[in-house]
Amino acid sequence: MKERAEKEYIEGLRQGSQQDFGMLYNMYADHLYGFALKLSRSSVVAEEIVQDTFLTVWQKRELVEPTYSFKAFLFTVAKNRILNLFRSSIRQFEFEDFVVHANSINLSSNSTDEKISYDEFIEIVRVAKEVLPSRQLEIFELSKE
């Protein structure tokens, strides 16, 4: 009976039914939270993952296929969100560590390798900034520079 009801909720979701969306949310939010909490080890991150995942479901509701496993779709979206969060955290730490290291270099010293490394880093940042949309560039500059 649950599987049949789930398919009906998915059909309603595809048609824009907020009530059916709410039913699916109630069916899976707790399980999804537990999954996200286990992977992230943060209740704040887990709550954010659940909200982002269901937001994605709502935004892509026309693409949700009632014949496929909704649970698998939901958990795949959540897993990808968590992986992206981890990747961005790693990149941010690497960037911040390099900036701290670069700022500690005495560029007037004889450290040619460090100066070259720093210049390469500055060039990579410059090129990356050129491809950012104006709003993202502004946010990057305000938060990192």
Protein backbone atom coordinates (compact mmCIF):
# COMPACT_ATOMS: atom_id res chain seq x y z
CA MET A 1 0.00 0.00 0.00
CA LYS A 2 2.86 2.39 0.83
CA GLU A 3 4.44 1.90 -2.62
CA ARG A 4 1.13 2.64 -4.34
CA ALA A 5 0.59 5.74 -2.21
CA GLU A 6 4.13 6.90 -2.91
CA LYS A 7 3.55 6.68 -6.66
CA GLU A 8 0.36 8.68 -6.27
CA TYR A 9 2.23 11.31 -4.26
CA ILE A 10 4.92 11.46 -6.94
CA GLU A 11 2.28 11.97 -9.63
CA GLY A 12 0.80 14.78 -7.56
CA LEU A 13 4.25 16.24 -6.99
CA ARG A 14 4.91 16.24 -10.73
CA GLN A 15 1.72 18.24 -11.18
CA GLY A 16 2.76 20.77 -8.53
CA SER A 17 0.78 19.52 -5.53
CA GLN A 18 2.27 20.99 -2.38
CA GLN A 19 0.22 18.57 -0.31
CA ASP A 20 1.75 15.55 -2.07
CA PHE A 21 5.19 17.13 -1.74
CA GLY A 22 4.51 17.48 1.99
CA MET A 23 3.50 13.83 2.23
CA LEU A 24 6.74 12.74 0.54
CA TYR A 25 8.67 15.07 2.83
CA ASN A 26 7.02 13.53 5.88
CA MET A 27 7.76 10.03 4.58
CA TYR A 28 11.48 10.59 4.00
CA ALA A 29 12.79 13.65 5.86
CA ASP A 30 13.74 11.80 9.05
CA HIS A 31 15.56 9.01 7.18
CA LEU A 32 17.33 11.53 5.00
CA TYR A 33 18.34 13.56 8.06
CA GLY A 34 19.83 10.44 9.67
CA PHE A 35 21.73 9.65 6.50
CA ALA A 36 23.09 13.20 6.22
CA LEU A 37 23.94 13.33 9.92
CA LYS A 38 25.87 10.06 9.70
CA LEU A 39 27.94 11.35 6.78
CA SER A 40 28.41 14.96 7.86
CA ARG A 41 28.51 14.49 11.65
CA SER A 42 26.84 17.88 12.00
CA SER A 43 23.19 18.44 12.81
CA VAL A 44 23.30 21.88 11.18
CA VAL A 45 24.74 20.47 7.96
CA ALA A 46 22.30 17.55 8.02
CA GLU A 47 19.33 19.91 8.32
CA GLU A 48 20.69 22.02 5.47
CA ILE A 49 21.19 18.93 3.30
CA VAL A 50 17.60 17.80 3.91
CA GLN A 51 16.26 21.25 3.02
CA ASP A 52 18.46 21.57 -0.08
CA THR A 53 17.55 18.07 -1.22
CA PHE A 54 13.83 18.66 -0.96
CA LEU A 55 14.22 22.06 -2.60
CA THR A 56 15.89 20.31 -5.52
CA VAL A 57 13.07 17.77 -5.62
CA TRP A 58 10.53 20.58 -5.81
CA GLN A 59 12.48 22.44 -8.48
CA LYS A 60 12.90 19.29 -10.60
CA ARG A 61 9.54 17.77 -9.79
CA GLU A 62 8.57 17.32 -13.45
CA LEU A 63 11.61 15.08 -13.92
CA VAL A 64 10.85 12.75 -11.00
CA GLU A 65 9.88 9.43 -12.54
CA PRO A 66 7.17 7.53 -10.61
CA THR A 67 8.38 4.17 -11.95
CA TYR A 68 11.86 4.59 -10.41
CA SER A 69 12.75 4.49 -6.75
CA PHE A 70 12.02 7.90 -5.24
CA LYS A 71 14.04 6.99 -2.17
CA ALA A 72 17.11 6.19 -4.30
CA PHE A 73 16.68 9.49 -6.18
CA LEU A 74 16.36 11.41 -2.92
CA PHE A 75 19.38 9.84 -1.28
CA THR A 76 21.48 10.28 -4.43
CA VAL A 77 20.69 14.00 -4.47
CA ALA A 78 21.58 14.24 -0.76
CA LYS A 79 24.81 12.28 -1.20
CA ASN A 80 25.87 14.56 -4.06
CA ARG A 81 25.12 17.65 -1.94
CA ILE A 82 27.26 16.29 0.88
CA LEU A 83 30.13 15.42 -1.48
CA ASN A 84 30.00 18.89 -3.02
CA LEU A 85 30.06 20.41 0.44
CA PHE A 86 33.11 18.33 1.37
CA ARG A 87 34.87 19.24 -1.87
CA SER A 88 34.26 22.95 -1.40
CA SER A 89 35.41 22.74 2.23
CA ILE A 90 38.63 21.04 1.20
CA ARG A 91 39.27 23.62 -1.54
CA GLN A 92 38.54 26.45 0.89
CA PHE A 93 40.98 25.08 3.49
CA GLU A 94 43.67 24.57 0.85
CA PHE A 95 43.14 28.11 -0.42
CA GLU A 96 43.19 29.64 3.04
CA ASP A 97 46.29 27.64 4.04
CA PHE A 98 48.08 28.79 0.92
CA VAL A 99 47.12 32.42 1.51
CA VAL A 100 48.39 32.21 5.10
CA HIS A 101 51.61 30.64 3.82
CA ALA A 102 51.95 33.20 1.02
CA ASN A 103 51.42 36.06 3.44
CA SER A 104 54.12 34.69 5.72
CA ILE A 105 56.69 34.66 2.92
CA ASN A 106 59.12 37.51 3.00
CA LEU A 107 59.07 38.28 -0.72
CA SER A 108 62.16 40.41 -0.43
CA SER A 109 64.20 37.40 0.74
CA ASN A 110 66.17 35.09 -1.48
CA SER A 111 63.39 32.49 -1.70
CA THR A 112 63.05 32.26 -5.49
CA ASP A 113 60.97 29.05 -5.44
CA GLU A 114 58.45 30.53 -3.02
CA LYS A 115 58.23 33.74 -5.08
CA ILE A 116 57.60 31.73 -8.27
CA SER A 117 55.00 29.60 -6.49
CA TYR A 118 53.29 32.71 -5.16
CA ASP A 119 53.30 34.36 -8.61
CA GLU A 120 51.79 31.21 -10.18
CA PHE A 121 49.12 31.16 -7.51
CA ILE A 122 48.26 34.83 -8.10
CA GLU A 123 47.99 34.17 -11.85
CA ILE A 124 45.69 31.17 -11.31
CA VAL A 125 43.45 33.24 -9.04
CA ARG A 126 43.38 36.09 -11.59
CA VAL A 127 42.38 33.73 -14.43
CA ALA A 128 39.73 32.05 -12.27
CA LYS A 129 38.28 35.42 -11.27
CA GLU A 130 37.92 36.43 -14.94
CA VAL A 131 35.38 33.68 -15.59
CA LEU A 132 33.23 34.38 -12.54
CA PRO A 133 29.91 36.19 -12.98
CA SER A 134 30.02 39.69 -11.51
CA ARG A 135 28.08 38.82 -8.34
CA GLN A 136 30.22 35.75 -7.59
CA LEU A 137 33.35 37.82 -8.24
CA GLU A 138 32.13 40.44 -5.79
CA ILE A 139 31.39 37.80 -3.14
CA PHE A 140 34.77 36.14 -3.69
CA GLU A 141 36.63 39.42 -3.38
CA LEU A 142 34.73 40.45 -0.26
CA SER A 143 35.23 37.13 1.50
CA LYS A 144 38.75 36.20 0.40
CA GLU A 145 40.70 39.32 -0.45
